[in-house]
Amino acid sequence: MIYTNQQFVRWDDIDAFGHVNNAKYLTYIQEARFLWSPVLEMVVARAEVDYLVPIYVGGRFYDVNLWVEEIGTSSFTMGYELAGDNGVIHARVKTVQVAVSMETKKSRPLTDIEREHLNKYLKA
C-alpha cells in the first residue's frame, strides 16, 4: 500500500534560482512521514534524493507518496515520490530510519506494533 500526503510548497521555498531549494524536499518528506508513522522514536540515518524535474511554482500542494521498501531488526528503508500535476515526478527519495530508545539514545528493536504498521506499507 502507498500512503499519500499533500505538502504545500510555500512561496519562500523558492530560492534565487527560481525553483524549490533542494533542502526543502527533505522537509516535505519529513512532514509526510511524521503524519504517517507511529514510529516516533526514530532518527534518519541516511537520505538520498534524486531531483528529476524542478518545482518552479509555489503556493500550491504537491503529493508525497511513500512506502516501505525493507524492514530490518531496528531499522527500515522507505521510498518516496514527490509528484505534481499530470503525474510529473519531481523527485525520488530514499531514507533509512533507525528506531531509538529515548532513555539510552541508542538503537532498539522495532516493536511488534511498529512492524505491523510498516508491513502494511511494504512494497513487494
PDB file of N, CA and C in Angstrom:
ATOM      1  N   MET A   1       0.853  -1.171   0.000  1.00  0.00           N
ATOM      2  CA  MET A   1       0.000   0.000   0.000  1.00  0.00           C
ATOM      3  C   MET A   1       0.904   1.240   0.000  1.00  0.00           C
ATOM      4  N   ILE A   2       0.454   2.262  -0.687  1.00  0.00           N
ATOM      5  CA  ILE A   2       1.167   3.537  -0.728  1.00  0.00           C
ATOM      6  C   ILE A   2       0.348   4.567   0.027  1.00  0.00           C
ATOM      7  N   TYR A   3       1.016   5.343   0.864  1.00  0.00           N
ATOM      8  CA  TYR A   3       0.388   6.430   1.612  1.00  0.00           C
ATOM      9  C   TYR A   3       0.666   7.719   0.853  1.00  0.00           C
ATOM     10  N   THR A   4      -0.356   8.570   0.705  1.00  0.00           N
ATOM     11  CA  THR A   4      -0.182   9.853   0.026  1.00  0.00           C
ATOM     12  C   THR A   4      -0.564  10.978   0.971  1.00  0.00           C
ATOM     13  N   ASN A   5       0.293  11.974   1.022  1.00  0.00           N
ATOM     14  CA  ASN A   5       0.055  13.157   1.834  1.00  0.00           C
ATOM     15  C   ASN A   5       0.361  14.365   0.976  1.00  0.00           C
ATOM     16  N   GLN A   6      -0.456  15.402   1.055  1.00  0.00           N
ATOM     17  CA  GLN A   6      -0.181  16.612   0.293  1.00  0.00           C
ATOM     18  C   GLN A   6       0.665  17.571   1.121  1.00  0.00           C
ATOM     19  N   GLN A   7       1.680  18.102   0.491  1.00  0.00           N
ATOM     20  CA  GLN A   7       2.543  19.092   1.125  1.00  0.00           C
ATOM     21  C   GLN A   7       2.433  20.396   0.351  1.00  0.00           C
ATOM     22  N   PHE A   8       2.315  21.477   1.090  1.00  0.00           N
ATOM     23  CA  PHE A   8       2.161  22.799   0.480  1.00  0.00           C
ATOM     24  C   PHE A   8       3.530  23.414   0.230  1.00  0.00           C
ATOM     25  N   VAL A   9       3.771  23.800  -1.006  1.00  0.00           N
ATOM     26  CA  VAL A   9       5.014  24.488  -1.356  1.00  0.00           C
ATOM     27  C   VAL A   9       4.772  25.976  -1.169  1.00  0.00           C
ATOM     28  N   ARG A  10       5.461  26.534  -0.195  1.00  0.00           N
ATOM     29  CA  ARG A  10       5.308  27.944   0.122  1.00  0.00           C
ATOM     30  C   ARG A  10       6.153  28.791  -0.837  1.00  0.00           C
ATOM     31  N   TRP A  11       5.732  30.021  -1.014  1.00  0.00           N
ATOM     32  CA  TRP A  11       6.462  30.909  -1.920  1.00  0.00           C
ATOM     33  C   TRP A  11       7.904  31.091  -1.461  1.00  0.00           C
ATOM     34  N   ASP A  12       8.139  31.097  -0.152  1.00  0.00           N
ATOM     35  CA  ASP A  12       9.515  31.300   0.308  1.00  0.00           C
ATOM     36  C   ASP A  12      10.360  30.029   0.227  1.00  0.00           C
ATOM     37  N   ASP A  13       9.777  28.913  -0.265  1.00  0.00           N
ATOM     38  CA  ASP A  13      10.564  27.709  -0.535  1.00  0.00           C
ATOM     39  C   ASP A  13      11.361  27.851  -1.837  1.00  0.00           C
ATOM     40  N   ILE A  14      10.987  28.849  -2.647  1.00  0.00           N
ATOM     41  CA  ILE A  14      11.654  29.091  -3.933  1.00  0.00           C
ATOM     42  C   ILE A  14      12.945  29.875  -3.668  1.00  0.00           C
ATOM     43  N   ASP A  15      14.049  29.394  -4.242  1.00  0.00           N
ATOM     44  CA  ASP A  15      15.344  30.039  -3.988  1.00  0.00           C
ATOM     45  C   ASP A  15      15.712  31.031  -5.096  1.00  0.00           C
ATOM     46  N   ALA A  16      16.923  31.543  -5.057  1.00  0.00           N
ATOM     47  CA  ALA A  16      17.385  32.556  -6.003  1.00  0.00           C
ATOM     48  C   ALA A  16      17.422  32.054  -7.444  1.00  0.00           C
ATOM     49  N   PHE A  17      17.452  30.736  -7.640  1.00  0.00           N
ATOM     50  CA  PHE A  17      17.449  30.171  -8.987  1.00  0.00           C
ATOM     51  C   PHE A  17      16.034  30.006  -9.542  1.00  0.00           C
ATOM     52  N   GLY A  18      15.019  30.363  -8.730  1.00  0.00           N
ATOM     53  CA  GLY A  18      13.642  30.318  -9.191  1.00  0.00           C
ATOM     54  C   GLY A  18      12.976  28.967  -9.074  1.00  0.00           C
ATOM     55  N   HIS A  19      13.585  28.046  -8.313  1.00  0.00           N
ATOM     56  CA  HIS A  19      12.956  26.742  -8.078  1.00  0.00           C
ATOM     57  C   HIS A  19      13.057  26.394  -6.605  1.00  0.00           C
ATOM     58  N   VAL A  20      12.332  25.332  -6.195  1.00  0.00           N
ATOM     59  CA  VAL A  20      12.342  24.929  -4.794  1.00  0.00           C
ATOM     60  C   VAL A  20      13.755  24.523  -4.400  1.00  0.00           C
ATOM     61  N   ASN A  21      14.221  25.054  -3.285  1.00  0.00           N
ATOM     62  CA  ASN A  21      15.552  24.742  -2.773  1.00  0.00           C
ATOM     63  C   ASN A  21      15.658  23.258  -2.449  1.00  0.00           C
ATOM     64  N   ASN A  22      16.803  22.664  -2.734  1.00  0.00           N
ATOM     65  CA  ASN A  22      16.992  21.218  -2.571  1.00  0.00           C
ATOM     66  C   ASN A  22      16.695  20.724  -1.155  1.00  0.00           C
ATOM     67  N   ALA A  23      17.008  21.480  -0.133  1.00  0.00           N
ATOM     68  CA  ALA A  23      16.788  21.041   1.246  1.00  0.00           C
ATOM     69  C   ALA A  23      15.305  20.943   1.585  1.00  0.00           C
ATOM     70  N   LYS A  24      14.474  21.702   0.905  1.00  0.00           N
ATOM     71  CA  LYS A  24      13.031  21.698   1.184  1.00  0.00           C
ATOM     72  C   LYS A  24      12.406  20.345   0.862  1.00  0.00           C
ATOM     73  N   TYR A  25      12.948  19.617  -0.109  1.00  0.00           N
ATOM     74  CA  TYR A  25      12.399  18.308  -0.461  1.00  0.00           C
ATOM     75  C   TYR A  25      12.437  17.371   0.751  1.00  0.00           C
ATOM     76  N   LEU A  26      13.520  17.428   1.508  1.00  0.00           N
ATOM     77  CA  LEU A  26      13.624  16.592   2.708  1.00  0.00           C
ATOM     78  C   LEU A  26      12.631  17.039   3.784  1.00  0.00           C
ATOM     79  N   THR A  27      12.340  18.331   3.836  1.00  0.00           N
ATOM     80  CA  THR A  27      11.326  18.819   4.773  1.00  0.00           C
ATOM     81  C   THR A  27       9.952  18.286   4.387  1.00  0.00           C
ATOM     82  N   TYR A  28       9.624  18.288   3.099  1.00  0.00           N
ATOM     83  CA  TYR A  28       8.318  17.784   2.658  1.00  0.00           C
ATOM     84  C   TYR A  28       8.148  16.311   3.020  1.00  0.00           C
ATOM     85  N   ILE A  29       9.181  15.491   2.775  1.00  0.00           N
ATOM     86  CA  ILE A  29       9.029  14.067   3.081  1.00  0.00           C
ATOM     87  C   ILE A  29       9.026  13.826   4.586  1.00  0.00           C
ATOM     88  N   GLN A  30       9.778  14.645   5.328  1.00  0.00           N
ATOM     89  CA  GLN A  30       9.771  14.513   6.790  1.00  0.00           C
ATOM     90  C   GLN A  30       8.379  14.776   7.343  1.00  0.00           C
ATOM     91  N   GLU A  31       7.723  15.821   6.861  1.00  0.00           N
ATOM     92  CA  GLU A  31       6.383  16.149   7.337  1.00  0.00           C
ATOM     93  C   GLU A  31       5.391  15.050   6.972  1.00  0.00           C
ATOM     94  N   ALA A  32       5.484  14.502   5.772  1.00  0.00           N
ATOM     95  CA  ALA A  32       4.594  13.408   5.360  1.00  0.00           C
ATOM     96  C   ALA A  32       4.859  12.163   6.205  1.00  0.00           C
ATOM     97  N   ARG A  33       6.131  11.849   6.433  1.00  0.00           N
ATOM     98  CA  ARG A  33       6.484  10.665   7.237  1.00  0.00           C
ATOM     99  C   ARG A  33       5.982  10.812   8.671  1.00  0.00           C
ATOM    100  N   PHE A  34       6.073  11.992   9.240  1.00  0.00           N
ATOM    101  CA  PHE A  34       5.603  12.231  10.609  1.00  0.00           C
ATOM    102  C   PHE A  34       4.098  11.962  10.718  1.00  0.00           C
ATOM    103  N   LEU A  35       3.327  12.413   9.735  1.00  0.00           N
ATOM    104  CA  LEU A  35       1.879  12.205   9.764  1.00  0.00           C
ATOM    105  C   LEU A  35       1.512  10.737   9.539  1.00  0.00           C
ATOM    106  N   TRP A  36       2.348   9.995   8.834  1.00  0.00           N
ATOM    107  CA  TRP A  36       2.095   8.586   8.511  1.00  0.00           C
ATOM    108  C   TRP A  36       2.515   7.634   9.618  1.00  0.00           C
ATOM    109  N   SER A  37       3.565   7.940  10.346  1.00  0.00           N
ATOM    110  CA  SER A  37       4.263   6.947  11.148  1.00  0.00           C
ATOM    111  C   SER A  37       3.946   6.958  12.633  1.00  0.00           C
ATOM    112  N   PRO A  38       3.678   5.770  13.196  1.00  0.00           N
ATOM    113  CA  PRO A  38       3.588   5.659  14.651  1.00  0.00           C
ATOM    114  C   PRO A  38       4.966   5.468  15.289  1.00  0.00           C
ATOM    115  N   VAL A  39       5.998   5.307  14.461  1.00  0.00           N
ATOM    116  CA  VAL A  39       7.357   5.116  14.974  1.00  0.00           C
ATOM    117  C   VAL A  39       7.957   6.505  15.187  1.00  0.00           C
ATOM    118  N   LEU A  40       7.666   7.084  16.338  1.00  0.00           N
ATOM    119  CA  LEU A  40       8.115   8.450  16.598  1.00  0.00           C
ATOM    120  C   LEU A  40       9.511   8.490  17.192  1.00  0.00           C
ATOM    121  N   GLU A  41       9.901   7.415  17.842  1.00  0.00           N
ATOM    122  CA  GLU A  41      11.235   7.367  18.445  1.00  0.00           C
ATOM    123  C   GLU A  41      12.202   6.778  17.428  1.00  0.00           C
ATOM    124  N   MET A  42      12.590   7.633  16.471  1.00  0.00           N
ATOM    125  CA  MET A  42      13.492   7.190  15.411  1.00  0.00           C
ATOM    126  C   MET A  42      14.347   8.354  14.954  1.00  0.00           C
ATOM    127  N   VAL A  43      15.423   8.003  14.285  1.00  0.00           N
ATOM    128  CA  VAL A  43      16.278   9.010  13.652  1.00  0.00           C
ATOM    129  C   VAL A  43      16.484   8.599  12.199  1.00  0.00           C
ATOM    130  N   VAL A  44      16.736   9.578  11.362  1.00  0.00           N
ATOM    131  CA  VAL A  44      17.070   9.295   9.971  1.00  0.00           C
ATOM    132  C   VAL A  44      18.575   9.061   9.915  1.00  0.00           C
ATOM    133  N   ALA A  45      18.957   7.869   9.475  1.00  0.00           N
ATOM    134  CA  ALA A  45      20.368   7.511   9.393  1.00  0.00           C
ATOM    135  C   ALA A  45      20.947   7.808   8.012  1.00  0.00           C
ATOM    136  N   ARG A  46      20.090   7.847   7.006  1.00  0.00           N
ATOM    137  CA  ARG A  46      20.557   8.082   5.640  1.00  0.00           C
ATOM    138  C   ARG A  46      19.412   8.670   4.825  1.00  0.00           C
ATOM    139  N   ALA A  47      19.751   9.578   3.927  1.00  0.00           N
ATOM    140  CA  ALA A  47      18.771  10.137   2.995  1.00  0.00           C
ATOM    141  C   ALA A  47      19.454  10.371   1.656  1.00  0.00           C
ATOM    142  N   GLU A  48      18.793   9.954   0.592  1.00  0.00           N
ATOM    143  CA  GLU A  48      19.307  10.237  -0.746  1.00  0.00           C
ATOM    144  C   GLU A  48      18.157  10.735  -1.616  1.00  0.00           C
ATOM    145  N   VAL A  49      18.445  11.748  -2.413  1.00  0.00           N
ATOM    146  CA  VAL A  49      17.422  12.389  -3.227  1.00  0.00           C
ATOM    147  C   VAL A  49      17.885  12.430  -4.674  1.00  0.00           C
ATOM    148  N   ASP A  50      16.992  11.990  -5.564  1.00  0.00           N
ATOM    149  CA  ASP A  50      17.196  12.177  -6.999  1.00  0.00           C
ATOM    150  C   ASP A  50      16.245  13.279  -7.433  1.00  0.00           C
ATOM    151  N   TYR A  51      16.796  14.433  -7.813  1.00  0.00           N
ATOM    152  CA  TYR A  51      15.997  15.567  -8.265  1.00  0.00           C
ATOM    153  C   TYR A  51      15.763  15.386  -9.759  1.00  0.00           C
ATOM    154  N   LEU A  52      14.513  15.203 -10.149  1.00  0.00           N
ATOM    155  CA  LEU A  52      14.202  14.853 -11.534  1.00  0.00           C
ATOM    156  C   LEU A  52      13.711  16.037 -12.356  1.00  0.00           C
ATOM    157  N   VAL A  53      12.689  16.744 -11.851  1.00  0.00           N
ATOM    158  CA  VAL A  53      12.110  17.893 -12.548  1.00  0.00           C
ATOM    159  C   VAL A  53      11.941  19.002 -11.518  1.00  0.00           C
ATOM    160  N   PRO A  54      12.566  20.163 -11.710  1.00  0.00           N
ATOM    161  CA  PRO A  54      12.450  21.231 -10.714  1.00  0.00           C
ATOM    162  C   PRO A  54      11.004  21.669 -10.497  1.00  0.00           C
ATOM    163  N   ILE A  55      10.715  22.100  -9.286  1.00  0.00           N
ATOM    164  CA  ILE A  55       9.426  22.724  -8.978  1.00  0.00           C
ATOM    165  C   ILE A  55       9.649  24.231  -9.042  1.00  0.00           C
ATOM    166  N   TYR A  56       8.935  24.874  -9.955  1.00  0.00           N
ATOM    167  CA  TYR A  56       9.079  26.312 -10.143  1.00  0.00           C
ATOM    168  C   TYR A  56       7.923  27.111  -9.551  1.00  0.00           C
ATOM    169  N   VAL A  57       6.844  26.420  -9.175  1.00  0.00           N
ATOM    170  CA  VAL A  57       5.630  27.119  -8.745  1.00  0.00           C
ATOM    171  C   VAL A  57       5.358  26.844  -7.276  1.00  0.00           C
ATOM    172  N   GLY A  58       5.303  27.902  -6.480  1.00  0.00           N
ATOM    173  CA  GLY A  58       4.925  27.787  -5.078  1.00  0.00           C
ATOM    174  C   GLY A  58       3.464  28.159  -4.905  1.00  0.00           C
ATOM    175  N   GLY A  59       3.008  28.116  -3.655  1.00  0.00           N
ATOM    176  CA  GLY A  59       1.630  28.490  -3.377  1.00  0.00           C
ATOM    177  C   GLY A  59       0.624  27.423  -3.761  1.00  0.00           C
ATOM    178  N   ARG A  60       1.082  26.162  -3.814  1.00  0.00           N
ATOM    179  CA  ARG A  60       0.166  25.073  -4.165  1.00  0.00           C
ATOM    180  C   ARG A  60       0.628  23.768  -3.518  1.00  0.00           C
ATOM    181  N   PHE A  61      -0.226  22.755  -3.576  1.00  0.00           N
ATOM    182  CA  PHE A  61       0.063  21.455  -2.985  1.00  0.00           C
ATOM    183  C   PHE A  61       0.694  20.508  -3.993  1.00  0.00           C
ATOM    184  N   TYR A  62       1.581  19.668  -3.488  1.00  0.00           N
ATOM    185  CA  TYR A  62       2.185  18.569  -4.249  1.00  0.00           C
ATOM    186  C   TYR A  62       2.005  17.304  -3.419  1.00  0.00           C
ATOM    187  N   ASP A  63       1.889  16.156  -4.090  1.00  0.00           N
ATOM    188  CA  ASP A  63       1.710  14.886  -3.389  1.00  0.00           C
ATOM    189  C   ASP A  63       3.047  14.282  -3.006  1.00  0.00           C
ATOM    190  N   VAL A  64       3.121  13.782  -1.777  1.00  0.00           N
ATOM    191  CA  VAL A  64       4.248  12.950  -1.349  1.00  0.00           C
ATOM    192  C   VAL A  64       3.692  11.538  -1.183  1.00  0.00           C
ATOM    193  N   ASN A  65       4.123  10.636  -2.050  1.00  0.00           N
ATOM    194  CA  ASN A  65       3.743   9.228  -1.965  1.00  0.00           C
ATOM    195  C   ASN A  65       4.867   8.499  -1.251  1.00  0.00           C
ATOM    196  N   LEU A  66       4.514   7.681  -0.259  1.00  0.00           N
ATOM    197  CA  LEU A  66       5.568   6.965   0.472  1.00  0.00           C
ATOM    198  C   LEU A  66       5.175   5.527   0.706  1.00  0.00           C
ATOM    199  N   TRP A  67       6.201   4.689   0.864  1.00  0.00           N
ATOM    200  CA  TRP A  67       6.020   3.261   1.096  1.00  0.00           C
ATOM    201  C   TRP A  67       7.260   2.738   1.812  1.00  0.00           C
ATOM    202  N   VAL A  68       7.171   1.520   2.317  1.00  0.00           N
ATOM    203  CA  VAL A  68       8.293   0.871   2.992  1.00  0.00           C
ATOM    204  C   VAL A  68       8.944  -0.085   2.001  1.00  0.00           C
ATOM    205  N   GLU A  69      10.259  -0.030   1.885  1.00  0.00           N
ATOM    206  CA  GLU A  69      10.988  -0.907   0.968  1.00  0.00           C
ATOM    207  C   GLU A  69      11.599  -2.115   1.666  1.00  0.00           C
ATOM    208  N   GLU A  70      12.003  -1.930   2.920  1.00  0.00           N
ATOM    209  CA  GLU A  70      12.683  -3.020   3.633  1.00  0.00           C
ATOM    210  C   GLU A  70      12.531  -2.795   5.134  1.00  0.00           C
ATOM    211  N   ILE A  71      12.383  -3.884   5.875  1.00  0.00           N
ATOM    212  CA  ILE A  71      12.273  -3.810   7.331  1.00  0.00           C
ATOM    213  C   ILE A  71      13.367  -4.685   7.933  1.00  0.00           C
ATOM    214  N   GLY A  72      14.182  -4.089   8.792  1.00  0.00           N
ATOM    215  CA  GLY A  72      15.240  -4.825   9.472  1.00  0.00           C
ATOM    216  C   GLY A  72      14.887  -5.041  10.933  1.00  0.00           C
ATOM    217  N   THR A  73      15.898  -5.318  11.744  1.00  0.00           N
ATOM    218  CA  THR A  73      15.685  -5.547  13.177  1.00  0.00           C
ATOM    219  C   THR A  73      15.349  -4.252  13.901  1.00  0.00           C
ATOM    220  N   SER A  74      16.126  -3.215  13.640  1.00  0.00           N
ATOM    221  CA  SER A  74      15.897  -1.934  14.307  1.00  0.00           C
ATOM    222  C   SER A  74      15.762  -0.777  13.315  1.00  0.00           C
ATOM    223  N   SER A  75      15.791  -1.084  12.037  1.00  0.00           N
ATOM    224  CA  SER A  75      15.717  -0.029  11.022  1.00  0.00           C
ATOM    225  C   SER A  75      14.743  -0.417   9.918  1.00  0.00           C
ATOM    226  N   PHE A  76      14.371   0.575   9.132  1.00  0.00           N
ATOM    227  CA  PHE A  76      13.545   0.328   7.953  1.00  0.00           C
ATOM    228  C   PHE A  76      13.876   1.368   6.889  1.00  0.00           C
ATOM    229  N   THR A  77      13.720   0.943   5.638  1.00  0.00           N
ATOM    230  CA  THR A  77      14.011   1.797   4.493  1.00  0.00           C
ATOM    231  C   THR A  77      12.703   2.189   3.843  1.00  0.00           C
ATOM    232  N   MET A  78      12.599   3.475   3.494  1.00  0.00           N
ATOM    233  CA  MET A  78      11.388   3.985   2.865  1.00  0.00           C
ATOM    234  C   MET A  78      11.714   4.601   1.520  1.00  0.00           C
ATOM    235  N   GLY A  79      10.732   4.521   0.614  1.00  0.00           N
ATOM    236  CA  GLY A  79      10.818   5.192  -0.675  1.00  0.00           C
ATOM    237  C   GLY A  79       9.734   6.246  -0.758  1.00  0.00           C
ATOM    238  N   TYR A  80      10.010   7.282  -1.534  1.00  0.00           N
ATOM    239  CA  TYR A  80       9.079   8.402  -1.674  1.00  0.00           C
ATOM    240  C   TYR A  80       9.136   8.921  -3.110  1.00  0.00           C
ATOM    241  N   GLU A  81       8.031   9.475  -3.542  1.00  0.00           N
ATOM    242  CA  GLU A  81       7.999  10.258  -4.772  1.00  0.00           C
ATOM    243  C   GLU A  81       7.259  11.553  -4.468  1.00  0.00           C
ATOM    244  N   LEU A  82       7.815  12.650  -4.931  1.00  0.00           N
ATOM    245  CA  LEU A  82       7.162  13.945  -4.828  1.00  0.00           C
ATOM    246  C   LEU A  82       6.575  14.232  -6.204  1.00  0.00           C
ATOM    247  N   ALA A  83       5.251  14.266  -6.287  1.00  0.00           N
ATOM    248  CA  ALA A  83       4.569  14.334  -7.580  1.00  0.00           C
ATOM    249  C   ALA A  83       3.724  15.596  -7.705  1.00  0.00           C
ATOM    250  N   GLY A  84       3.648  16.083  -8.919  1.00  0.00           N
ATOM    251  CA  GLY A  84       2.829  17.250  -9.220  1.00  0.00           C
ATOM    252  C   GLY A  84       1.708  16.889 -10.170  1.00  0.00           C
ATOM    253  N   ASP A  85       1.224  17.877 -10.875  1.00  0.00           N
ATOM    254  CA  ASP A  85       0.135  17.692 -11.826  1.00  0.00           C
ATOM    255  C   ASP A  85       0.511  16.723 -12.938  1.00  0.00           C
ATOM    256  N   ASN A  86      -0.487  16.066 -13.465  1.00  0.00           N
ATOM    257  CA  ASN A  86      -0.325  15.170 -14.621  1.00  0.00           C
ATOM    258  C   ASN A  86       0.683  14.066 -14.380  1.00  0.00           C
ATOM    259  N   GLY A  87       0.871  13.681 -13.098  1.00  0.00           N
ATOM    260  CA  GLY A  87       1.772  12.567 -12.801  1.00  0.00           C
ATOM    261  C   GLY A  87       3.251  12.882 -12.918  1.00  0.00           C
ATOM    262  N   VAL A  88       3.607  14.147 -13.002  1.00  0.00           N
ATOM    263  CA  VAL A  88       5.027  14.520 -13.082  1.00  0.00           C
ATOM    264  C   VAL A  88       5.698  14.186 -11.753  1.00  0.00           C
ATOM    265  N   ILE A  89       6.762  13.397 -11.801  1.00  0.00           N
ATOM    266  CA  ILE A  89       7.544  13.073 -10.601  1.00  0.00           C
ATOM    267  C   ILE A  89       8.703  14.065 -10.528  1.00  0.00           C
ATOM    268  N   HIS A  90       8.685  14.885  -9.482  1.00  0.00           N
ATOM    269  CA  HIS A  90       9.719  15.909  -9.328  1.00  0.00           C
ATOM    270  C   HIS A  90      10.962  15.373  -8.634  1.00  0.00           C
ATOM    271  N   ALA A  91      10.778  14.406  -7.730  1.00  0.00           N
ATOM    272  CA  ALA A  91      11.927  13.842  -7.014  1.00  0.00           C
ATOM    273  C   ALA A  91      11.587  12.445  -6.519  1.00  0.00           C
ATOM    274  N   ARG A  92      12.617  11.616  -6.442  1.00  0.00           N
ATOM    275  CA  ARG A  92      12.514  10.306  -5.781  1.00  0.00           C
ATOM    276  C   ARG A  92      13.493  10.332  -4.619  1.00  0.00           C
ATOM    277  N   VAL A  93      13.019   9.846  -3.465  1.00  0.00           N
ATOM    278  CA  VAL A  93      13.810   9.920  -2.244  1.00  0.00           C
ATOM    279  C   VAL A  93      13.825   8.550  -1.585  1.00  0.00           C
ATOM    280  N   LYS A  94      14.927   8.244  -0.927  1.00  0.00           N
ATOM    281  CA  LYS A  94      15.028   7.026  -0.129  1.00  0.00           C
ATOM    282  C   LYS A  94      15.639   7.426   1.207  1.00  0.00           C
ATOM    283  N   THR A  95      15.049   6.931   2.305  1.00  0.00           N
ATOM    284  CA  THR A  95      15.608   7.186   3.633  1.00  0.00           C
ATOM    285  C   THR A  95      15.692   5.886   4.415  1.00  0.00           C
ATOM    286  N   VAL A  96      16.626   5.859   5.349  1.00  0.00           N
ATOM    287  CA  VAL A  96      16.740   4.760   6.300  1.00  0.00           C
ATOM    288  C   VAL A  96      16.513   5.360   7.677  1.00  0.00           C
ATOM    289  N   GLN A  97      15.526   4.812   8.402  1.00  0.00           N
ATOM    290  CA  GLN A  97      15.219   5.238   9.766  1.00  0.00           C
ATOM    291  C   GLN A  97      15.666   4.161  10.732  1.00  0.00           C
ATOM    292  N   VAL A  98      16.148   4.577  11.891  1.00  0.00           N
ATOM    293  CA  VAL A  98      16.546   3.652  12.950  1.00  0.00           C
ATOM    294  C   VAL A  98      15.728   3.984  14.189  1.00  0.00           C
ATOM    295  N   ALA A  99      15.068   2.959  14.746  1.00  0.00           N
ATOM    296  CA  ALA A  99      14.321   3.139  15.987  1.00  0.00           C
ATOM    297  C   ALA A  99      15.315   3.330  17.127  1.00  0.00           C
ATOM    298  N   VAL A 100      15.021   4.274  18.012  1.00  0.00           N
ATOM    299  CA  VAL A 100      15.923   4.557  19.129  1.00  0.00           C
ATOM    300  C   VAL A 100      15.160   4.536  20.446  1.00  0.00           C
ATOM    301  N   SER A 101      15.872   4.211  21.497  1.00  0.00           N
ATOM    302  CA  SER A 101      15.340   4.300  22.849  1.00  0.00           C
ATOM    303  C   SER A 101      15.559   5.730  23.327  1.00  0.00           C
ATOM    304  N   MET A 102      14.509   6.361  23.805  1.00  0.00           N
ATOM    305  CA  MET A 102      14.650   7.729  24.300  1.00  0.00           C
ATOM    306  C   MET A 102      15.467   7.774  25.586  1.00  0.00           C
ATOM    307  N   GLU A 103      15.493   6.669  26.349  1.00  0.00           N
ATOM    308  CA  GLU A 103      16.279   6.635  27.584  1.00  0.00           C
ATOM    309  C   GLU A 103      17.776   6.513  27.303  1.00  0.00           C
ATOM    310  N   THR A 104      18.136   5.590  26.422  1.00  0.00           N
ATOM    311  CA  THR A 104      19.560   5.321  26.174  1.00  0.00           C
ATOM    312  C   THR A 104      20.125   6.092  24.988  1.00  0.00           C
ATOM    313  N   LYS A 105      19.232   6.600  24.118  1.00  0.00           N
ATOM    314  CA  LYS A 105      19.638   7.286  22.876  1.00  0.00           C
ATOM    315  C   LYS A 105      20.388   6.355  21.941  1.00  0.00           C
ATOM    316  N   LYS A 106      20.121   5.051  22.048  1.00  0.00           N
ATOM    317  CA  LYS A 106      20.747   4.049  21.187  1.00  0.00           C
ATOM    318  C   LYS A 106      19.664   3.303  20.423  1.00  0.00           C
ATOM    319  N   SER A 107      20.085   2.595  19.368  1.00  0.00           N
ATOM    320  CA  SER A 107      19.108   1.850  18.578  1.00  0.00           C
ATOM    321  C   SER A 107      18.450   0.771  19.427  1.00  0.00           C
ATOM    322  N   ARG A 108      17.232   0.434  19.037  1.00  0.00           N
ATOM    323  CA  ARG A 108      16.456  -0.591  19.717  1.00  0.00           C
ATOM    324  C   ARG A 108      15.698  -1.379  18.659  1.00  0.00           C
ATOM    325  N   PRO A 109      15.282  -2.591  18.981  1.00  0.00           N
ATOM    326  CA  PRO A 109      14.489  -3.359  18.017  1.00  0.00           C
ATOM    327  C   PRO A 109      13.122  -2.704  17.791  1.00  0.00           C
ATOM    328  N   LEU A 110      12.610  -2.855  16.584  1.00  0.00           N
ATOM    329  CA  LEU A 110      11.251  -2.409  16.299  1.00  0.00           C
ATOM    330  C   LEU A 110      10.270  -3.255  17.103  1.00  0.00           C
ATOM    331  N   THR A 111       9.205  -2.638  17.594  1.00  0.00           N
ATOM    332  CA  THR A 111       8.190  -3.374  18.345  1.00  0.00           C
ATOM    333  C   THR A 111       7.272  -4.113  17.372  1.00  0.00           C
ATOM    334  N   ASP A 112       6.490  -5.032  17.895  1.00  0.00           N
ATOM    335  CA  ASP A 112       5.527  -5.770  17.065  1.00  0.00           C
ATOM    336  C   ASP A 112       4.501  -4.823  16.443  1.00  0.00           C
ATOM    337  N   ILE A 113       4.063  -3.830  17.201  1.00  0.00           N
ATOM    338  CA  ILE A 113       3.091  -2.853  16.681  1.00  0.00           C
ATOM    339  C   ILE A 113       3.704  -2.039  15.545  1.00  0.00           C
ATOM    340  N   GLU A 114       4.955  -1.619  15.716  1.00  0.00           N
ATOM    341  CA  GLU A 114       5.637  -0.867  14.659  1.00  0.00           C
ATOM    342  C   GLU A 114       5.798  -1.731  13.407  1.00  0.00           C
ATOM    343  N   ARG A 115       6.199  -2.990  13.598  1.00  0.00           N
ATOM    344  CA  ARG A 115       6.369  -3.907  12.456  1.00  0.00           C
ATOM    345  C   ARG A 115       5.049  -4.125  11.713  1.00  0.00           C
ATOM    346  N   GLU A 116       3.972  -4.255  12.485  1.00  0.00           N
ATOM    347  CA  GLU A 116       2.653  -4.451  11.867  1.00  0.00           C
ATOM    348  C   GLU A 116       2.312  -3.265  10.974  1.00  0.00           C
ATOM    349  N   HIS A 117       2.539  -2.048  11.473  1.00  0.00           N
ATOM    350  CA  HIS A 117       2.267  -0.847  10.682  1.00  0.00           C
ATOM    351  C   HIS A 117       3.163  -0.806   9.445  1.00  0.00           C
ATOM    352  N   LEU A 118       4.445  -1.045   9.623  1.00  0.00           N
ATOM    353  CA  LEU A 118       5.380  -0.993   8.498  1.00  0.00           C
ATOM    354  C   LEU A 118       5.019  -2.020   7.426  1.00  0.00           C
ATOM    355  N   ASN A 119       4.620  -3.203   7.834  1.00  0.00           N
ATOM    356  CA  ASN A 119       4.277  -4.255   6.885  1.00  0.00           C
ATOM    357  C   ASN A 119       3.074  -3.906   6.023  1.00  0.00           C
ATOM    358  N   LYS A 120       2.161  -3.074   6.527  1.00  0.00           N
ATOM    359  CA  LYS A 120       1.008  -2.636   5.718  1.00  0.00           C
ATOM    360  C   LYS A 120       1.447  -1.861   4.489  1.00  0.00           C
ATOM    361  N   TYR A 121       2.588  -1.192   4.590  1.00  0.00           N
ATOM    362  CA  TYR A 121       3.067  -0.322   3.503  1.00  0.00           C
ATOM    363  C   TYR A 121       4.274  -0.894   2.776  1.00  0.00           C
ATOM    364  N   LEU A 122       4.597  -2.153   3.067  1.00  0.00           N
ATOM    365  CA  LEU A 122       5.737  -2.814   2.432  1.00  0.00           C
ATOM    366  C   LEU A 122       5.427  -3.052   0.968  1.00  0.00           C
ATOM    367  N   LYS A 123       6.242  -2.511   0.113  1.00  0.00           N
ATOM    368  CA  LYS A 123       6.061  -2.637  -1.338  1.00  0.00           C
ATOM    369  C   LYS A 123       6.768  -3.903  -1.796  1.00  0.00           C
ATOM    370  N   ALA A 124       6.009  -4.779  -2.409  1.00  0.00           N
ATOM    371  CA  ALA A 124       6.568  -6.068  -2.850  1.00  0.00           C
ATOM    372  C   ALA A 124       7.452  -5.905  -4.065  1.00  0.00           C
TER     373      ALA A 124
END
